[in-house]
């Protein structure tokens, strides 16, 4: 296995052929443990966390240190800066902000209805607009750079994800490295413009003030690149995978349309509609299935500090350990056909350990800090898109996975969208 994209493919193959079983492979001359056993995964992510530090040197090389990459006191310093804003956000405002930008996404996707490949750029711009509006209190148009800059920087960095420390530059063309340097310079320069806001929002002010803390080794622009990626890319790719599922399973799409149409009938517009979409049970459990089948972050990598005995193999110092977030969802994998979305089964199983809603955000002390808001915005955005658009598959090409810091479909989703008002009634399943 040479690349993280190969890893995505391998994880799906393992989850299908050997569910719940661990394996050992080699990558770039290093031993790699692939963990699917739930108890072992929990040991790595939570019970023996200190032995398995993060393996994100590839991200630091390109975008610098941040809350995503740090450990110990450096991580806690950054966590304390931003986490209160992600944990204690205004729920009602979050619903309304998500609704506003979801409607913009729907309008732009409807205008691209002739395309055979989903316009994921529209989705990404809309999800980043939610993030900057909600947490930075800045309109995305006022950040002077293309909306995809931070994501592209992370994508370029991800090429080094399976390289051993010190070998990151080997084997990559100079053009790749030159693009990284030019894009980093452009992105950091654009983010610097936020330093000059006359009245920065509370989170921006906190990040700026953090640079004054002696010994903190903190840079505003580095943290923002991480926040842009972590706060947007996961949600944007999840929306793309959701529309793929709707196109592949018309009966699921029709079921969600009936539920969401009922929400709109009861709450035609405004804050009441946004709140109702955020709490819609059908959307909640569809999202659980979405995150189980296509987690935007399908694996987590750690490095073993010391020897440790897992259920059926021993971790040795220096081993790379991959926790498969596809393979640890043991509830769904126990079904007769685990690879088909089943909202009823998700409702019966709940959203605790072993479900996509739980595992896709990681768990334990390093749980994703934006989990609550991510689920809210996904529910509102998908509710609007289900109500406004009809998704159909434009082809049945086999899936190929591509790792770009998140998992996306290589070549884009073969999904055609059209406004539901233009779709003949017979196209809707009963």
Protein backbone atom coordinates (compact mmCIF):
# COMPACT_ATOMS: atom_id res chain seq x y z
CA UNK A 1 0.00 0.00 0.00
CA UNK A 2 1.63 3.20 -1.17
CA UNK A 3 -0.98 5.93 -0.79
CA UNK A 4 -3.85 6.91 1.49
CA UNK A 5 -6.22 6.43 -1.44
CA UNK A 6 -5.05 2.80 -1.58
CA UNK A 7 -5.80 2.67 2.15
CA UNK A 8 -9.42 3.74 1.61
CA UNK A 9 -9.92 0.94 -0.91
CA UNK A 10 -8.23 -1.59 1.38
CA UNK A 11 -10.41 -0.63 4.34
CA UNK A 12 -13.61 -1.23 2.38
CA UNK A 13 -12.29 -4.54 1.11
CA UNK A 14 -11.41 -5.63 4.64
CA UNK A 15 -14.73 -4.51 6.11
CA UNK A 16 -16.53 -6.57 3.46
CA UNK A 17 -14.36 -9.69 3.51
CA UNK A 18 -13.16 -9.87 7.11
CA UNK A 19 -15.46 -7.73 9.29
CA UNK A 20 -14.15 -7.10 12.78
CA UNK A 21 -10.75 -8.66 12.09
CA UNK A 22 -7.44 -6.84 12.35
CA UNK A 23 -4.62 -7.14 9.82
CA UNK A 24 -0.95 -6.23 9.38
CA UNK A 25 0.40 -4.70 6.15
CA UNK A 26 3.48 -2.76 5.08
CA UNK A 27 3.72 0.78 3.72
CA UNK A 28 6.87 2.71 2.82
CA UNK A 29 8.96 0.10 4.66
CA UNK A 30 6.97 0.41 7.89
CA UNK A 31 4.72 -2.07 9.64
CA UNK A 32 1.10 -0.91 9.67
CA UNK A 33 -1.58 -2.38 11.93
CA UNK A 34 -5.12 -2.01 10.58
CA UNK A 35 -7.65 -2.22 13.39
CA UNK A 36 -11.31 -3.20 12.90
CA UNK A 37 -11.93 -4.85 16.28
CA UNK A 38 -14.05 -2.47 18.33
CA UNK A 39 -12.38 -3.19 21.68
CA UNK A 40 -8.90 -2.69 20.19
CA UNK A 41 -10.01 0.54 18.54
CA UNK A 42 -11.38 1.78 21.84
CA UNK A 43 -8.09 0.92 23.54
CA UNK A 44 -6.15 2.96 20.98
CA UNK A 45 -8.55 5.91 20.87
CA UNK A 46 -9.44 6.11 24.54
CA UNK A 47 -8.25 3.59 27.15
CA UNK A 48 -4.54 3.64 26.24
CA UNK A 49 -4.49 6.92 24.35
CA UNK A 50 -1.12 8.02 25.78
CA UNK A 51 0.63 5.18 23.93
CA UNK A 52 -0.78 6.19 20.55
CA UNK A 53 0.04 9.82 19.67
CA UNK A 54 -1.19 11.46 16.47
CA UNK A 55 0.51 10.72 13.17
CA UNK A 56 0.06 14.05 11.40
CA UNK A 57 3.61 15.10 10.62
CA UNK A 58 2.55 15.37 6.97
CA UNK A 59 0.06 18.12 7.85
CA UNK A 60 2.52 20.03 10.02
CA UNK A 61 5.08 20.01 7.18
CA UNK A 62 2.68 21.90 4.92
CA UNK A 63 0.25 23.92 7.04
CA UNK A 64 2.02 24.18 10.39
CA UNK A 65 1.07 23.12 13.89
CA UNK A 66 -2.52 23.53 15.06
CA UNK A 67 -5.13 22.07 17.35
CA UNK A 68 -5.48 19.20 14.87
CA UNK A 69 -1.83 18.17 15.05
CA UNK A 70 -0.70 18.99 18.58
CA UNK A 71 -0.57 16.84 21.72
CA UNK A 72 -0.34 17.53 25.45
CA UNK A 73 -0.27 21.10 26.69
CA UNK A 74 0.04 22.58 23.19
CA UNK A 75 -3.15 20.78 22.18
CA UNK A 76 -4.96 21.78 25.38
CA UNK A 77 -4.01 25.44 24.87
CA UNK A 78 -5.58 25.42 21.41
CA UNK A 79 -8.58 23.36 22.52
CA UNK A 80 -9.34 25.88 25.28
CA UNK A 81 -9.18 28.72 22.75
CA UNK A 82 -11.75 27.49 20.27
CA UNK A 83 -13.76 24.65 21.82
CA UNK A 84 -16.11 26.84 23.89
CA UNK A 85 -17.35 28.38 20.63
CA UNK A 86 -18.05 24.97 19.07
CA UNK A 87 -19.59 23.43 22.20
CA UNK A 88 -21.76 26.33 23.37
CA UNK A 89 -22.98 27.84 20.12
CA UNK A 90 -26.44 29.40 19.73
CA UNK A 91 -28.52 26.46 18.46
CA UNK A 92 -31.34 28.60 17.04
CA UNK A 93 -28.88 30.86 15.22
CA UNK A 94 -27.02 27.82 13.89
CA UNK A 95 -30.24 26.48 12.41
CA UNK A 96 -31.09 29.77 10.71
CA UNK A 97 -27.56 30.31 9.34
CA UNK A 98 -27.52 26.75 7.99
CA UNK A 99 -30.93 27.21 6.38
CA UNK A 100 -29.91 30.46 4.67
CA UNK A 101 -26.82 28.96 3.05
CA UNK A 102 -28.55 25.64 2.30
CA UNK A 103 -31.08 27.53 0.20
CA UNK A 104 -28.20 29.14 -1.71
CA UNK A 105 -26.62 25.73 -2.31
CA UNK A 106 -29.94 24.37 -3.58
CA UNK A 107 -30.40 27.28 -6.00
CA UNK A 108 -26.91 26.91 -7.45
CA UNK A 109 -27.18 23.14 -7.78
CA UNK A 110 -30.55 23.51 -9.50
CA UNK A 111 -28.94 25.89 -11.98
CA UNK A 112 -26.36 23.21 -12.83
CA UNK A 113 -28.96 20.54 -13.54
CA UNK A 114 -27.48 19.72 -16.96
CA UNK A 115 -24.26 18.41 -15.45
CA UNK A 116 -23.59 14.67 -15.30
CA UNK A 117 -21.14 15.14 -12.40
CA UNK A 118 -22.19 16.81 -9.16
CA UNK A 119 -20.83 20.34 -8.67
CA UNK A 120 -19.11 19.80 -5.33
CA UNK A 121 -17.50 23.24 -5.50
CA UNK A 122 -20.93 24.80 -4.94
CA UNK A 123 -21.46 22.58 -1.91
CA UNK A 124 -18.03 23.38 -0.47
CA UNK A 125 -18.50 27.14 -0.90
CA UNK A 126 -21.87 26.94 0.83
CA UNK A 127 -20.59 24.90 3.77
CA UNK A 128 -17.59 27.19 4.24
CA UNK A 129 -20.02 30.14 4.17
CA UNK A 130 -21.91 28.55 7.06
CA UNK A 131 -18.67 28.20 9.03
CA UNK A 132 -17.38 31.75 8.49
CA UNK A 133 -20.83 33.26 9.11
CA UNK A 134 -21.52 31.20 12.23
CA UNK A 135 -18.16 31.15 13.99
CA UNK A 136 -15.99 33.90 12.52
CA UNK A 137 -18.87 36.34 11.99
CA UNK A 138 -17.41 37.17 8.57
CA UNK A 139 -19.04 36.77 5.17
CA UNK A 140 -17.03 34.41 2.99
CA UNK A 141 -16.92 37.01 0.20
CA UNK A 142 -14.91 39.23 2.54
CA UNK A 143 -12.09 36.65 2.81
CA UNK A 144 -9.95 37.55 -0.25
CA UNK A 145 -9.13 34.10 -1.57
CA UNK A 146 -10.84 31.31 -3.51
CA UNK A 147 -12.99 29.25 -1.15
CA UNK A 148 -11.06 26.08 -1.97
CA UNK A 149 -7.59 27.33 -1.06
CA UNK A 150 -7.32 25.77 2.40
CA UNK A 151 -8.81 22.52 1.14
CA UNK A 152 -6.37 22.37 -1.76
CA UNK A 153 -3.47 22.96 0.64
CA UNK A 154 -4.65 20.04 2.78
CA UNK A 155 -5.09 17.92 -0.35
CA UNK A 156 -1.51 18.62 -1.41
CA UNK A 157 -0.28 17.79 2.10
CA UNK A 158 -2.22 14.52 2.13
CA UNK A 159 0.07 13.12 -0.57
CA UNK A 160 2.66 12.70 2.21
CA UNK A 161 0.31 11.01 4.71
CA UNK A 162 1.84 7.54 4.26
CA UNK A 163 5.42 8.68 4.02
CA UNK A 164 7.73 7.96 6.94
CA UNK A 165 8.97 11.06 8.80
CA UNK A 166 11.91 12.57 6.95
CA UNK A 167 10.93 11.01 3.61
CA UNK A 168 8.10 13.40 2.73
CA UNK A 169 9.88 15.08 -0.18
CA UNK A 170 11.02 11.92 -1.89
CA UNK A 171 9.20 10.79 -5.02
CA UNK A 172 7.13 13.92 -5.60
CA UNK A 173 7.67 16.28 -8.55
CA UNK A 174 8.98 19.75 -7.95
CA UNK A 175 5.72 21.16 -9.31
CA UNK A 176 3.90 19.61 -6.35
CA UNK A 177 6.23 21.25 -3.84
CA UNK A 178 6.15 24.57 -5.72
CA UNK A 179 2.35 24.57 -5.66
CA UNK A 180 2.39 23.96 -1.91
CA UNK A 181 4.73 26.89 -1.30
CA UNK A 182 2.82 29.28 -3.58
CA UNK A 183 -0.59 28.28 -2.25
CA UNK A 184 0.51 28.51 1.37
CA UNK A 185 1.87 32.00 0.77
CA UNK A 186 -1.35 33.09 -0.98
CA UNK A 187 -3.61 31.53 1.66
CA UNK A 188 -1.75 32.92 4.65
CA UNK A 189 -1.67 36.38 3.05
CA UNK A 190 -5.44 36.27 2.51
CA UNK A 191 -6.09 35.16 6.09
CA UNK A 192 -3.88 37.96 7.35
CA UNK A 193 -6.53 40.38 6.09
CA UNK A 194 -8.75 39.22 8.96
CA UNK A 195 -6.24 40.74 11.36
CA UNK A 196 -7.34 44.18 10.23
CA UNK A 197 -11.04 43.87 11.00
CA UNK A 198 -12.14 46.86 13.11
CA UNK A 199 -14.34 44.66 15.31
CA UNK A 200 -13.35 41.00 15.02
CA UNK A 201 -15.82 38.46 16.33
CA UNK A 202 -15.12 36.78 19.69
CA UNK A 203 -13.44 33.66 18.22
CA UNK A 204 -11.21 35.67 15.87
CA UNK A 205 -10.23 38.00 18.71
CA UNK A 206 -9.38 35.04 20.94
CA UNK A 207 -7.16 33.54 18.24
CA UNK A 208 -5.41 36.85 17.64
CA UNK A 209 -4.82 37.41 21.36
CA UNK A 210 -3.35 33.91 21.65
CA UNK A 211 -0.31 35.03 19.64
CA UNK A 212 0.62 37.30 22.54
CA UNK A 213 0.89 34.42 25.01
CA UNK A 214 4.55 33.87 25.78
CA UNK A 215 5.85 30.44 24.78
CA UNK A 216 2.62 29.37 23.07
CA UNK A 217 4.16 28.97 19.56
CA UNK A 218 0.79 29.88 18.10
CA UNK A 219 0.09 31.47 14.72
CA UNK A 220 -3.33 32.79 13.77
CA UNK A 221 -3.13 31.78 10.10
CA UNK A 222 -2.04 28.21 10.81
CA UNK A 223 -4.96 27.66 13.13
CA UNK A 224 -7.42 29.12 10.65
CA UNK A 225 -6.26 26.82 7.85
CA UNK A 226 -7.00 23.87 10.11
CA UNK A 227 -10.36 25.28 11.18
CA UNK A 228 -11.37 25.97 7.59
CA UNK A 229 -10.56 22.39 6.67
CA UNK A 230 -11.91 20.63 9.74
CA UNK A 231 -14.95 22.90 9.90
CA UNK A 232 -15.90 22.61 6.25
CA UNK A 233 -14.37 19.76 4.27
CA UNK A 234 -15.90 16.95 6.32
CA UNK A 235 -19.38 18.47 6.01
CA UNK A 236 -19.01 19.30 2.30
CA UNK A 237 -17.85 15.83 1.34
CA UNK A 238 -20.59 14.30 3.49
CA UNK A 239 -23.23 16.24 1.55
CA UNK A 240 -21.75 14.94 -1.71
CA UNK A 241 -21.84 11.34 -0.47
CA UNK A 242 -25.41 11.89 0.74
CA UNK A 243 -26.57 12.96 -2.72
CA UNK A 244 -24.79 9.91 -4.14
CA UNK A 245 -26.82 7.68 -1.79
CA UNK A 246 -30.08 9.40 -2.73
CA UNK A 247 -29.34 8.89 -6.42
CA UNK A 248 -28.46 5.22 -5.92
CA UNK A 249 -31.44 4.42 -3.67
CA UNK A 250 -34.57 6.17 -5.02
CA UNK A 251 -36.75 4.51 -2.38
CA UNK A 252 -34.67 6.17 0.36
CA UNK A 253 -34.89 9.51 -1.44
CA UNK A 254 -38.68 9.18 -1.77
CA UNK A 255 -39.04 8.33 1.92
CA UNK A 256 -37.00 11.34 2.96
CA UNK A 257 -38.94 13.58 0.58
CA UNK A 258 -42.21 12.55 2.21
CA UNK A 259 -40.84 13.30 5.68
CA UNK A 260 -39.25 16.58 4.74
CA UNK A 261 -42.26 17.73 2.72
CA UNK A 262 -44.35 17.17 5.86
CA UNK A 263 -41.93 19.37 7.82
CA UNK A 264 -42.26 22.12 5.21
CA UNK A 265 -46.06 21.79 5.26
CA UNK A 266 -46.07 22.39 9.01
CA UNK A 267 -43.34 25.07 9.01
CA UNK A 268 -43.14 26.72 5.57
CA UNK A 269 -40.24 29.04 6.32
CA UNK A 270 -38.09 30.85 8.83
CA UNK A 271 -36.59 29.78 12.17
CA UNK A 272 -39.36 27.25 12.86
CA UNK A 273 -38.55 25.43 9.60
CA UNK A 274 -34.82 25.43 10.37
CA UNK A 275 -35.38 24.02 13.87
CA UNK A 276 -37.78 21.37 12.57
CA UNK A 277 -35.31 20.19 9.91
CA UNK A 278 -32.53 20.02 12.51
CA UNK A 279 -34.65 17.69 14.66
CA UNK A 280 -36.25 15.57 11.91
CA UNK A 281 -35.83 11.88 12.95
CA UNK A 282 -35.72 10.55 9.39
CA UNK A 283 -32.87 12.90 8.52
CA UNK A 284 -31.06 12.06 11.77
CA UNK A 285 -30.94 8.35 11.01
CA UNK A 286 -30.24 8.83 7.32
CA UNK A 287 -27.19 10.83 8.39
CA UNK A 288 -26.22 7.96 10.72
CA UNK A 289 -26.30 5.63 7.71
CA UNK A 290 -24.44 8.14 5.55
CA UNK A 291 -21.61 8.43 8.09
CA UNK A 292 -21.51 4.66 8.57
CA UNK A 293 -21.22 3.92 4.86
CA UNK A 294 -19.10 6.89 3.76
CA UNK A 295 -17.32 8.55 6.68
CA UNK A 296 -15.48 11.56 5.23
CA UNK A 297 -12.58 10.60 7.49
CA UNK A 298 -12.49 6.81 6.99
CA UNK A 299 -9.45 6.14 9.14
CA UNK A 300 -7.39 7.60 11.97
CA UNK A 301 -3.65 7.02 12.14
CA UNK A 302 -1.57 6.80 15.29
CA UNK A 303 1.98 5.67 16.10
CA UNK A 304 2.73 3.20 18.89
CA UNK A 305 5.14 4.62 21.44
CA UNK A 306 5.66 1.37 23.31
CA UNK A 307 4.76 -2.29 22.90
CA UNK A 308 1.09 -3.02 23.53
CA UNK A 309 -0.93 -6.20 23.27
CA UNK A 310 -4.13 -5.97 21.25
CA UNK A 311 -6.65 -8.79 20.90
CA UNK A 312 -4.90 -10.75 18.16
CA UNK A 313 -1.65 -8.90 17.52
CA UNK A 314 1.02 -6.94 19.35
CA UNK A 315 1.85 -3.33 18.57
CA UNK A 316 5.57 -2.67 18.53
CA UNK A 317 7.27 0.69 19.12
CA UNK A 318 7.15 2.75 15.93
CA UNK A 319 4.30 0.81 14.33
CA UNK A 320 1.77 2.89 12.43
CA UNK A 321 -1.72 2.04 13.67
CA UNK A 322 -4.74 2.67 11.48
CA UNK A 323 -8.15 2.57 13.11
CA UNK A 324 -10.67 1.85 10.36
CA UNK A 325 -13.74 4.03 10.89
CA UNK A 326 -15.42 1.92 8.22
CA UNK A 327 -14.63 -1.35 9.97
CA UNK A 328 -15.48 -0.50 13.59
CA UNK A 329 -19.20 0.05 12.90
CA UNK A 330 -20.06 -3.42 14.16
CA UNK A 331 -23.78 -2.75 14.53
CA UNK A 332 -24.35 -2.14 10.84
CA UNK A 333 -21.84 -4.79 9.77
CA UNK A 334 -23.90 -7.42 11.61
CA UNK A 335 -26.86 -6.85 9.27
CA UNK A 336 -27.75 -9.23 6.45
CA UNK A 337 -26.77 -6.58 3.90
CA UNK A 338 -24.69 -3.93 5.66
CA UNK A 339 -23.83 -2.00 2.49
CA UNK A 340 -27.36 -0.78 1.78
CA UNK A 341 -28.66 2.25 3.74
CA UNK A 342 -31.43 1.18 6.12
CA UNK A 343 -33.02 3.98 8.12
CA UNK A 344 -35.22 1.60 10.12
CA UNK A 345 -32.23 -0.52 11.16
CA UNK A 346 -30.33 2.63 12.18
CA UNK A 347 -33.29 3.67 14.34
CA UNK A 348 -33.31 0.28 16.07
CA UNK A 349 -29.55 0.30 16.65
CA UNK A 350 -29.32 3.86 17.95
CA UNK A 351 -26.41 6.24 17.54
CA UNK A 352 -24.05 5.02 20.26
CA UNK A 353 -20.80 3.06 19.96
CA UNK A 354 -20.66 0.99 16.81
CA UNK A 355 -22.73 3.42 14.74
CA UNK A 356 -21.57 5.87 12.09
CA UNK A 357 -22.75 8.89 14.08
CA UNK A 358 -20.43 7.83 16.89
CA UNK A 359 -17.34 6.57 15.09
CA UNK A 360 -17.09 9.10 12.26
CA UNK A 361 -16.37 11.91 14.74
CA UNK A 362 -13.85 9.73 16.60
CA UNK A 363 -14.39 9.30 20.35
CA UNK A 364 -12.59 9.61 23.66
CA UNK A 365 -10.50 12.65 24.62
CA UNK A 366 -9.83 13.53 20.96
CA UNK A 367 -13.48 13.51 19.88
CA UNK A 368 -14.24 16.00 17.12
CA UNK A 369 -15.10 19.26 18.85
CA UNK A 370 -17.53 20.32 16.12
CA UNK A 371 -19.62 17.14 16.23
CA UNK A 372 -22.82 18.73 17.51
CA UNK A 373 -22.83 21.57 15.02
CA UNK A 374 -21.82 19.29 12.15
CA UNK A 375 -24.87 17.09 12.75
CA UNK A 376 -27.11 20.16 12.97
CA UNK A 377 -25.88 21.71 9.71
CA UNK A 378 -25.98 18.38 7.88
CA UNK A 379 -29.60 17.86 8.89
CA UNK A 380 -30.69 21.34 7.83
CA UNK A 381 -28.71 21.37 4.58
CA UNK A 382 -29.80 17.88 3.54
CA UNK A 383 -33.39 18.69 4.48
CA UNK A 384 -33.40 21.65 2.11
CA UNK A 385 -31.72 19.71 -0.70
CA UNK A 386 -34.10 16.76 -0.33
CA UNK A 387 -37.06 19.15 -0.51
CA UNK A 388 -35.77 21.18 -3.46
CA UNK A 389 -33.91 18.69 -5.65
CA UNK A 390 -34.30 15.30 -7.29
CA UNK A 391 -31.10 13.26 -7.55
CA UNK A 392 -30.55 10.59 -10.19
CA UNK A 393 -27.50 8.56 -11.11
CA UNK A 394 -25.96 9.74 -14.38
CA UNK A 395 -23.94 6.52 -14.68
CA UNK A 396 -23.23 3.33 -12.74
CA UNK A 397 -19.45 3.46 -12.79
CA UNK A 398 -17.77 1.60 -9.97
CA UNK A 399 -16.71 3.74 -7.02
CA UNK A 400 -13.08 4.73 -6.73
CA UNK A 401 -11.96 6.41 -3.54
CA UNK A 402 -9.56 9.33 -3.38
CA UNK A 403 -7.88 10.58 -0.22
CA UNK A 404 -7.38 14.36 -0.08
CA UNK A 405 -7.27 14.78 3.70
CA UNK A 406 -10.87 13.55 3.53
CA UNK A 407 -12.35 10.80 1.39
CA UNK A 408 -13.99 11.84 -1.86
CA UNK A 409 -15.07 9.99 -4.97
CA UNK A 410 -12.43 10.01 -7.67
CA UNK A 411 -13.73 11.90 -10.68
CA UNK A 412 -16.69 13.26 -8.72
CA UNK A 413 -20.14 11.89 -8.00
CA UNK A 414 -22.01 10.76 -11.10
CA UNK A 415 -25.16 12.46 -9.88
CA UNK A 416 -27.53 14.61 -11.88
CA UNK A 417 -29.70 17.04 -9.92
CA UNK A 418 -32.86 18.79 -11.06
CA UNK A 419 -35.41 20.99 -9.31
CA UNK A 420 -38.21 18.77 -8.06
CA UNK A 421 -40.74 21.14 -9.62
CA UNK A 422 -39.46 20.10 -13.07
CA UNK A 423 -39.50 16.34 -12.40
CA UNK A 424 -42.55 14.45 -13.69
CA UNK A 425 -44.67 12.99 -10.86
CA UNK A 426 -44.10 9.43 -12.08
CA UNK A 427 -40.38 9.81 -11.39
CA UNK A 428 -41.13 9.73 -7.66
CA UNK A 429 -41.50 6.34 -6.09
CA UNK A 430 -44.58 5.75 -3.92
